[in-house]
Amino acid sequence: MSRSSVASRPSSAGSSPFGALRAIAELAFLAATRDALPWSFGGLLAAFFAILPSVSVPGPFIGPSLGLRVSAALLPAFGIMGLVLAPTLAWFYARRAHIDTTAAIAGATLGYLLALPSYSGALLPYLRSVGPSGLFLALGACGAVALGARLARTAWIGALLTVALALALRALHVDLAAAVAQMLEPLGRLGDTYAALVVIVLVQTLLWTIGIHGPALLAAVVTPVYLTLQMQNTLAYDHHLSLPHIVVVSLFLFIFPGGAGSTLPLAALLVFSRVPRLRTVGRATIVPAVFNANEPLLFAVPVVLNPFLVPPFIVAPLLLATTTYFAVAWGWVGRPIYYVPSSVPTLISTYLSTLDVRAIALVLINVALATAAYLPFVRAYERHLQHEALEAAA
């Protein structure tokens, strides 16, 4: 934590209501989802690069048809993502809940496979059809195992109940994938709004200011919803249709340059700080910030529980959410087509997700706005630290 008196000690965040929020963040299923999602994204990327060379799209590999080639490979790769998530989430949950890992993995995987539509025809078209609902089916299968294991106090009973339920629904010809897609329609309409975007950005940043990983806490609901909307944009592009959604996973690339709180400008300002300690922190964290990894910065400065830096940490992402949403809504920048990992530097990732060179201009404007938001607060914090140093030396 900070050497400054302005940053509260970590123990203060453990009291109510902060302790309750931290407890929610560490609930076994939410924490397991947070741990498993990166692995499922890894499965998505591995499947994408494996499928890409085999995609049949007219024209040279690098050329005007590259966008269609990418979408044709990415859509079935989403189907693989759900297949990876089911056993991975079950494994992480079993370890956190201290239940039998073999039973949890077997129940979740079999339940997930039985919940899928009947397989017919070629594999790639089938995987394309699974993609939009696969994540929710995987979450549902693991959730059923978790609930069954908790009620029966044994993971094997939970696994058997999950498989039996999936078999019963299959025998009754209940299409769970279609049910998930129908459920997502109103949720997608509600989530694809400026108000929803602002709420998500605000909640994530507010949680981070008290040391709670906001994106991780919201991941179990937010990521599957907005990744599904992202898939729908990719599917529309693949069929030469207008993209239906503005707020998708890749839109957040514009809003969080440097990571939560839009902290890339903060890291850059600290590189040239007048305070030696802050300058050292800036130089150590600027490279991770370029790749949107800012946890070291948040706790080294610190930003967490720091009354000087919390205001711009909250305000900057809200400004960027506003400029981004309306720039895309008004057609000044194309809607995001593709999912691109957040670890890709923002200038590159926003272009790759939209295939629109205007995305680069929007990112530069956003970074300038975030810099303007952070600059006076960084200077005030520097003056505070310098004053403290003078008092300590006196």
Protein backbone atom coordinates (compact mmCIF):
# COMPACT_ATOMS: atom_id res chain seq x y z
CA MET A 1 0.00 0.00 0.00
CA SER A 2 0.97 3.64 -0.21
CA ARG A 3 3.50 5.25 2.05
CA SER A 4 1.07 8.13 2.12
CA SER A 5 -1.52 8.57 4.81
CA VAL A 6 -4.18 9.21 2.16
CA ALA A 7 -4.56 5.54 1.29
CA SER A 8 -6.46 3.52 3.84
CA ARG A 9 -5.03 0.31 5.12
CA PRO A 10 -6.25 -2.93 3.49
CA SER A 11 -7.90 -4.00 6.72
CA SER A 12 -10.43 -1.18 6.43
CA ALA A 13 -11.78 -2.74 3.27
CA GLY A 14 -12.53 -5.93 5.11
CA SER A 15 -15.28 -4.40 7.20
CA SER A 16 -18.94 -4.26 6.21
CA PRO A 17 -20.09 -3.62 3.53
CA PHE A 18 -16.73 -4.15 1.82
CA GLY A 19 -16.32 -7.52 3.51
CA ALA A 20 -19.68 -8.65 2.13
CA LEU A 21 -18.66 -7.64 -1.40
CA ARG A 22 -15.37 -9.49 -1.06
CA ALA A 23 -17.24 -12.54 0.21
CA ILE A 24 -19.51 -12.45 -2.86
CA ALA A 25 -16.48 -12.15 -5.13
CA GLU A 26 -15.01 -15.28 -3.53
CA LEU A 27 -18.15 -17.43 -3.67
CA ALA A 28 -17.03 -20.76 -5.06
CA PHE A 29 -19.02 -20.68 -8.30
CA LEU A 30 -18.26 -17.02 -9.12
CA ALA A 31 -14.59 -17.45 -8.30
CA ALA A 32 -14.43 -20.66 -10.33
CA THR A 33 -16.04 -18.91 -13.29
CA ARG A 34 -13.46 -16.14 -13.00
CA ASP A 35 -10.68 -18.75 -13.02
CA ALA A 36 -12.14 -20.87 -15.83
CA LEU A 37 -13.06 -18.19 -18.37
CA PRO A 38 -9.45 -17.43 -19.40
CA TRP A 39 -8.94 -21.12 -20.15
CA SER A 40 -12.09 -21.23 -22.26
CA PHE A 41 -10.91 -18.14 -24.14
CA GLY A 42 -7.67 -20.03 -24.71
CA GLY A 43 -9.71 -22.88 -26.19
CA LEU A 44 -11.51 -20.39 -28.42
CA LEU A 45 -8.24 -18.98 -29.78
CA ALA A 46 -6.65 -22.42 -30.23
CA ALA A 47 -9.72 -23.64 -32.13
CA PHE A 48 -9.76 -20.46 -34.24
CA PHE A 49 -6.17 -20.88 -35.41
CA ALA A 50 -6.71 -24.60 -36.01
CA ILE A 51 -9.83 -24.01 -38.12
CA LEU A 52 -8.64 -20.91 -40.02
CA PRO A 53 -6.39 -22.70 -42.58
CA SER A 54 -9.21 -25.08 -43.56
CA VAL A 55 -11.87 -22.42 -44.13
CA SER A 56 -13.05 -22.31 -47.72
CA VAL A 57 -13.57 -18.70 -48.78
CA PRO A 58 -12.97 -17.49 -52.36
CA GLY A 59 -9.95 -15.26 -52.89
CA PRO A 60 -6.38 -15.12 -51.52
CA PHE A 61 -5.73 -15.78 -47.84
CA ILE A 62 -4.61 -12.17 -47.31
CA GLY A 63 -6.93 -9.80 -49.12
CA PRO A 64 -10.47 -8.41 -49.20
CA SER A 65 -11.91 -11.79 -48.20
CA LEU A 66 -9.82 -12.06 -45.01
CA GLY A 67 -12.64 -10.66 -42.84
CA LEU A 68 -15.07 -13.32 -44.06
CA ARG A 69 -12.41 -15.99 -43.59
CA VAL A 70 -11.88 -14.88 -40.00
CA SER A 71 -15.60 -14.89 -39.21
CA ALA A 72 -16.03 -18.32 -40.83
CA ALA A 73 -13.34 -19.71 -38.50
CA LEU A 74 -14.33 -17.74 -35.40
CA LEU A 75 -17.98 -18.84 -35.31
CA PRO A 76 -17.31 -22.61 -34.94
CA ALA A 77 -14.47 -21.79 -32.53
CA PHE A 78 -17.09 -20.31 -30.21
CA GLY A 79 -18.64 -23.78 -30.10
CA ILE A 80 -15.34 -25.20 -28.85
CA MET A 81 -15.23 -22.52 -26.16
CA GLY A 82 -18.28 -23.97 -24.41
CA LEU A 83 -16.85 -27.47 -24.65
CA VAL A 84 -13.68 -26.27 -22.90
CA LEU A 85 -15.57 -24.25 -20.29
CA ALA A 86 -17.74 -27.11 -18.98
CA PRO A 87 -14.98 -29.40 -17.61
CA THR A 88 -12.65 -26.50 -16.73
CA LEU A 89 -15.28 -24.68 -14.68
CA ALA A 90 -16.23 -27.98 -13.00
CA TRP A 91 -12.59 -28.58 -12.05
CA PHE A 92 -12.10 -25.10 -10.58
CA TYR A 93 -15.41 -25.30 -8.73
CA ALA A 94 -14.62 -28.73 -7.29
CA ARG A 95 -11.30 -27.50 -5.95
CA ARG A 96 -12.87 -24.43 -4.33
CA ALA A 97 -15.89 -26.29 -2.95
CA HIS A 98 -13.76 -29.28 -1.84
CA ILE A 99 -15.80 -31.88 -3.70
CA ASP A 100 -14.71 -34.78 -5.88
CA THR A 101 -13.17 -33.35 -9.06
CA THR A 102 -13.77 -36.48 -11.17
CA ALA A 103 -17.48 -36.47 -10.35
CA ALA A 104 -17.84 -32.74 -11.00
CA ILE A 105 -16.03 -32.90 -14.35
CA ALA A 106 -17.91 -36.01 -15.49
CA GLY A 107 -21.32 -34.62 -14.49
CA ALA A 108 -20.77 -31.18 -15.99
CA THR A 109 -19.27 -32.47 -19.24
CA LEU A 110 -21.92 -35.15 -19.82
CA GLY A 111 -24.68 -32.75 -18.81
CA TYR A 112 -23.34 -30.16 -21.25
CA LEU A 113 -23.04 -32.65 -24.13
CA LEU A 114 -26.56 -33.98 -23.52
CA ALA A 115 -27.92 -30.42 -23.49
CA LEU A 116 -26.55 -29.73 -26.96
CA PRO A 117 -28.76 -30.15 -30.06
CA SER A 118 -28.54 -33.53 -31.79
CA TYR A 119 -25.49 -33.75 -34.00
CA SER A 120 -26.08 -34.03 -37.73
CA GLY A 121 -24.16 -33.11 -40.85
CA ALA A 122 -20.70 -31.58 -41.05
CA LEU A 123 -18.86 -30.65 -37.87
CA LEU A 124 -18.11 -26.98 -38.57
CA PRO A 125 -21.71 -25.97 -39.32
CA TYR A 126 -22.79 -27.81 -36.17
CA LEU A 127 -20.25 -25.97 -34.05
CA ARG A 128 -21.46 -22.69 -35.56
CA SER A 129 -24.98 -23.47 -34.38
CA VAL A 130 -23.76 -24.35 -30.87
CA GLY A 131 -21.74 -21.16 -30.41
CA PRO A 132 -24.41 -18.65 -29.34
CA SER A 133 -25.74 -20.84 -26.52
CA GLY A 134 -22.71 -22.97 -25.63
CA LEU A 135 -21.37 -20.77 -22.84
CA PHE A 136 -24.71 -20.63 -21.02
CA LEU A 137 -25.24 -24.37 -21.41
CA ALA A 138 -21.79 -24.98 -19.89
CA LEU A 139 -22.54 -22.61 -17.01
CA GLY A 140 -25.91 -24.30 -16.51
CA ALA A 141 -24.45 -27.81 -16.47
CA CYS A 142 -21.79 -26.85 -13.93
CA GLY A 143 -24.34 -24.96 -11.87
CA ALA A 144 -26.59 -28.02 -11.79
CA VAL A 145 -23.72 -30.19 -10.56
CA ALA A 146 -22.83 -27.60 -7.92
CA LEU A 147 -26.42 -27.32 -6.70
CA GLY A 148 -26.95 -31.09 -6.70
CA ALA A 149 -23.70 -31.69 -4.85
CA ARG A 150 -24.62 -29.08 -2.24
CA LEU A 151 -28.11 -30.51 -1.66
CA ALA A 152 -27.02 -34.17 -1.64
CA ARG A 153 -23.69 -33.44 0.11
CA THR A 154 -21.83 -35.58 -2.42
CA ALA A 155 -20.52 -34.68 -5.85
CA TRP A 156 -21.40 -38.03 -7.42
CA ILE A 157 -25.08 -37.60 -6.58
CA GLY A 158 -24.93 -34.06 -7.98
CA ALA A 159 -23.35 -35.39 -11.18
CA LEU A 160 -25.94 -38.18 -11.54
CA LEU A 161 -28.80 -35.75 -10.97
CA THR A 162 -27.42 -33.41 -13.62
CA VAL A 163 -27.06 -36.19 -16.19
CA ALA A 164 -30.52 -37.57 -15.34
CA LEU A 165 -32.08 -34.13 -15.76
CA ALA A 166 -30.33 -33.63 -19.10
CA LEU A 167 -31.49 -37.07 -20.29
CA ALA A 168 -35.07 -36.37 -19.21
CA LEU A 169 -35.17 -33.04 -21.05
CA ARG A 170 -33.68 -34.69 -24.12
CA ALA A 171 -36.31 -37.46 -23.97
CA LEU A 172 -39.02 -34.78 -23.78
CA HIS A 173 -37.46 -33.10 -26.86
CA VAL A 174 -36.75 -29.92 -24.92
CA ASP A 175 -34.25 -27.87 -26.95
CA LEU A 176 -32.17 -26.19 -24.26
CA ALA A 177 -30.03 -24.35 -26.81
CA ALA A 178 -33.15 -22.79 -28.34
CA ALA A 179 -34.47 -21.96 -24.87
CA VAL A 180 -31.22 -20.18 -24.03
CA ALA A 181 -31.33 -18.25 -27.29
CA GLN A 182 -34.93 -17.19 -26.57
CA MET A 183 -33.97 -16.14 -23.03
CA LEU A 184 -31.10 -14.05 -24.36
CA GLU A 185 -33.29 -11.97 -26.71
CA PRO A 186 -34.75 -9.62 -24.06
CA LEU A 187 -31.50 -9.73 -22.09
CA GLY A 188 -29.60 -8.71 -25.20
CA ARG A 189 -31.98 -5.82 -25.93
CA LEU A 190 -31.63 -4.58 -22.36
CA GLY A 191 -27.86 -4.97 -22.33
CA ASP A 192 -27.26 -3.31 -25.69
CA THR A 193 -27.99 0.19 -24.40
CA TYR A 194 -26.01 3.19 -23.22
CA ALA A 195 -27.55 2.89 -19.75
CA ALA A 196 -26.44 -0.74 -19.39
CA LEU A 197 -22.95 0.15 -20.58
CA VAL A 198 -22.63 2.97 -18.04
CA VAL A 199 -23.87 0.76 -15.20
CA ILE A 200 -21.37 -2.00 -16.01
CA VAL A 201 -18.47 0.42 -16.33
CA LEU A 202 -19.44 2.22 -13.12
CA VAL A 203 -19.85 -0.98 -11.08
CA GLN A 204 -16.53 -2.40 -12.29
CA THR A 205 -14.59 0.75 -11.44
CA LEU A 206 -16.33 1.33 -8.11
CA LEU A 207 -15.50 -2.22 -7.02
CA TRP A 208 -11.88 -1.79 -8.05
CA THR A 209 -11.56 1.37 -5.93
CA ILE A 210 -12.07 -0.74 -2.81
CA GLY A 211 -9.75 -3.50 -4.01
CA ILE A 212 -12.37 -5.89 -5.42
CA HIS A 213 -11.73 -7.20 -8.94
CA GLY A 214 -14.86 -5.79 -10.61
CA PRO A 215 -14.64 -7.63 -13.96
CA ALA A 216 -14.07 -10.92 -12.16
CA LEU A 217 -17.08 -10.39 -9.91
CA LEU A 218 -19.34 -9.62 -12.90
CA ALA A 219 -17.81 -12.18 -15.26
CA ALA A 220 -20.31 -14.97 -14.60
CA VAL A 221 -23.14 -12.88 -16.09
CA VAL A 222 -21.62 -10.07 -18.12
CA THR A 223 -19.06 -12.02 -20.16
CA PRO A 224 -21.41 -14.72 -21.53
CA VAL A 225 -24.09 -12.13 -22.43
CA TYR A 226 -21.80 -9.73 -24.24
CA LEU A 227 -19.77 -12.47 -25.86
CA THR A 228 -23.02 -13.88 -27.23
CA LEU A 229 -23.93 -10.46 -28.64
CA GLN A 230 -20.43 -10.34 -30.12
CA MET A 231 -21.06 -13.70 -31.81
CA GLN A 232 -24.29 -12.36 -33.27
CA ASN A 233 -22.35 -9.46 -34.80
CA THR A 234 -19.81 -11.89 -36.26
CA LEU A 235 -22.60 -14.04 -37.67
CA ALA A 236 -24.31 -11.02 -39.23
CA TYR A 237 -21.04 -9.92 -40.84
CA ASP A 238 -20.54 -13.45 -42.17
CA HIS A 239 -23.97 -13.22 -43.83
CA HIS A 240 -23.36 -9.70 -45.19
CA LEU A 241 -25.99 -8.22 -42.87
CA SER A 242 -25.95 -5.07 -40.73
CA LEU A 243 -24.37 -5.67 -37.34
CA PRO A 244 -27.18 -5.76 -34.75
CA HIS A 245 -25.34 -4.73 -31.57
CA ILE A 246 -23.24 -1.84 -30.30
CA VAL A 247 -22.41 -3.02 -26.77
CA VAL A 248 -20.39 -6.20 -27.17
CA VAL A 249 -17.24 -7.56 -25.54
CA SER A 250 -14.90 -5.76 -27.92
CA LEU A 251 -16.52 -2.36 -27.31
CA PHE A 252 -14.85 -2.36 -23.89
CA LEU A 253 -11.47 -2.27 -25.64
CA PHE A 254 -12.19 1.40 -26.44
CA ILE A 255 -13.26 2.17 -22.87
CA PHE A 256 -10.44 0.60 -20.85
CA PRO A 257 -7.09 1.44 -22.49
CA GLY A 258 -4.56 0.19 -19.98
CA GLY A 259 -7.15 -1.86 -18.10
CA ALA A 260 -9.90 -1.03 -15.59
CA GLY A 261 -10.07 2.69 -14.90
CA SER A 262 -8.56 3.51 -18.32
CA THR A 263 -5.15 3.72 -16.65
CA LEU A 264 -2.80 3.78 -19.65
CA PRO A 265 -2.58 7.62 -19.38
CA LEU A 266 -1.99 7.32 -15.63
CA ALA A 267 0.96 4.97 -16.17
CA ALA A 268 2.36 7.33 -18.83
CA LEU A 269 2.01 10.36 -16.54
CA LEU A 270 3.80 8.54 -13.74
CA VAL A 271 6.75 7.77 -16.00
CA PHE A 272 7.51 11.51 -15.89
CA SER A 273 6.37 12.10 -12.31
CA ARG A 274 8.12 14.63 -10.08
CA VAL A 275 8.05 12.08 -7.24
CA PRO A 276 10.82 9.44 -7.53
CA ARG A 277 8.69 6.60 -6.12
CA LEU A 278 5.83 7.31 -8.53
CA ARG A 279 8.30 7.62 -11.40
CA THR A 280 9.67 4.18 -10.54
CA VAL A 281 6.15 2.73 -10.42
CA GLY A 282 5.32 4.32 -13.80
CA ARG A 283 8.41 2.90 -15.47
CA ALA A 284 7.72 -0.55 -14.03
CA THR A 285 4.06 -0.63 -15.08
CA ILE A 286 3.94 1.20 -18.42
CA VAL A 287 4.67 -1.91 -20.50
CA PRO A 288 2.00 -4.05 -18.77
CA ALA A 289 -0.40 -1.10 -19.18
CA VAL A 290 0.16 -1.12 -22.94
CA PHE A 291 -1.10 -4.71 -22.85
CA ASN A 292 -4.02 -3.69 -20.60
CA ALA A 293 -2.68 -5.35 -17.45
CA ASN A 294 -2.85 -2.85 -14.61
CA GLU A 295 -3.16 -4.78 -11.34
CA PRO A 296 0.47 -3.93 -10.40
CA LEU A 297 -0.24 -0.25 -11.02
CA LEU A 298 -3.47 -0.22 -9.01
CA PHE A 299 -1.83 -1.60 -5.88
CA ALA A 300 1.66 -0.10 -6.25
CA VAL A 301 0.66 3.57 -6.54
CA PRO A 302 -1.88 2.78 -5.00
CA VAL A 303 -5.07 3.74 -6.81
CA VAL A 304 -7.16 1.50 -4.57
CA LEU A 305 -8.63 3.52 -1.66
CA ASN A 306 -6.68 6.61 -2.74
CA PRO A 307 -8.88 9.75 -2.52
CA PHE A 308 -6.62 11.62 -4.97
CA LEU A 309 -6.83 9.04 -7.78
CA VAL A 310 -10.21 7.39 -7.24
CA PRO A 311 -12.18 10.30 -8.85
CA PRO A 312 -10.43 10.13 -12.27
CA PHE A 313 -10.37 6.33 -12.04
CA ILE A 314 -14.19 6.46 -11.98
CA VAL A 315 -14.77 9.46 -14.25
CA ALA A 316 -12.38 8.60 -17.10
CA PRO A 317 -14.07 5.29 -18.07
CA LEU A 318 -17.49 6.96 -17.94
CA LEU A 319 -16.26 9.67 -20.33
CA LEU A 320 -14.80 7.05 -22.65
CA ALA A 321 -17.95 4.93 -22.49
CA THR A 322 -19.95 7.97 -23.58
CA THR A 323 -17.70 8.98 -26.49
CA THR A 324 -17.38 5.37 -27.63
CA TYR A 325 -21.06 4.48 -27.48
CA PHE A 326 -22.25 7.52 -29.39
CA ALA A 327 -19.40 7.46 -31.92
CA VAL A 328 -20.41 3.90 -32.79
CA ALA A 329 -24.18 4.54 -32.52
CA TRP A 330 -23.93 7.53 -34.89
CA GLY A 331 -21.88 5.55 -37.40
CA TRP A 332 -18.65 7.50 -36.99
CA VAL A 333 -16.87 4.23 -36.14
CA GLY A 334 -17.91 0.76 -37.22
CA ARG A 335 -19.52 -1.63 -34.77
CA PRO A 336 -17.18 -4.33 -33.42
CA ILE A 337 -17.31 -7.46 -35.54
CA TYR A 338 -14.87 -9.78 -33.81
CA TYR A 339 -13.78 -10.78 -30.35
CA VAL A 340 -10.16 -9.71 -29.78
CA PRO A 341 -8.35 -10.53 -26.50
CA SER A 342 -7.95 -7.58 -24.15
CA SER A 343 -4.23 -8.35 -23.84
CA VAL A 344 -3.71 -7.03 -27.39
CA PRO A 345 -2.64 -3.34 -27.29
CA THR A 346 -5.64 -1.06 -27.67
CA LEU A 347 -4.68 0.65 -30.94
CA ILE A 348 -4.29 -2.74 -32.60
CA SER A 349 -7.20 -4.57 -30.96
CA THR A 350 -9.82 -1.91 -31.69
CA TYR A 351 -8.87 -1.87 -35.37
CA LEU A 352 -8.87 -5.67 -35.62
CA SER A 353 -12.27 -5.90 -33.93
CA THR A 354 -13.92 -3.35 -36.24
CA LEU A 355 -11.80 -3.47 -39.42
CA ASP A 356 -12.31 0.31 -39.37
CA VAL A 357 -9.32 2.66 -39.39
CA ARG A 358 -11.49 5.29 -37.68
CA ALA A 359 -11.31 3.11 -34.57
CA ILE A 360 -7.70 4.20 -34.13
CA ALA A 361 -8.73 7.86 -34.16
CA LEU A 362 -11.42 7.17 -31.54
CA VAL A 363 -8.90 5.44 -29.28
CA LEU A 364 -6.51 8.41 -29.55
CA ILE A 365 -9.34 10.80 -28.63
CA ASN A 366 -10.28 8.56 -25.70
CA VAL A 367 -6.71 8.41 -24.42
CA ALA A 368 -6.49 12.21 -24.65
CA LEU A 369 -9.72 12.56 -22.64
CA ALA A 370 -8.51 10.11 -20.00
CA THR A 371 -5.19 11.98 -19.79
CA ALA A 372 -7.05 15.24 -19.20
CA ALA A 373 -9.09 13.56 -16.47
CA TYR A 374 -6.06 12.14 -14.67
CA LEU A 375 -3.56 15.01 -15.02
CA PRO A 376 -4.81 17.46 -12.34
CA PHE A 377 -5.34 14.66 -9.82
CA VAL A 378 -1.88 13.19 -10.43
CA ARG A 379 -0.34 16.63 -9.92
CA ALA A 380 -2.34 17.10 -6.69
CA TYR A 381 -1.21 13.69 -5.44
CA GLU A 382 2.42 14.55 -6.25
CA ARG A 383 2.16 17.79 -4.28
CA HIS A 384 0.68 15.88 -1.36
CA LEU A 385 3.55 13.37 -1.35
CA GLN A 386 6.15 16.11 -1.68
CA HIS A 387 4.58 17.97 1.24
CA GLU A 388 4.63 14.79 3.33
CA ALA A 389 8.30 14.24 2.46
CA LEU A 390 9.18 17.78 3.54
CA GLU A 391 7.33 17.34 6.84
CA ALA A 392 9.08 14.04 7.49
CA ALA A 393 12.48 15.62 6.80
CA ALA A 394 11.83 18.60 9.08
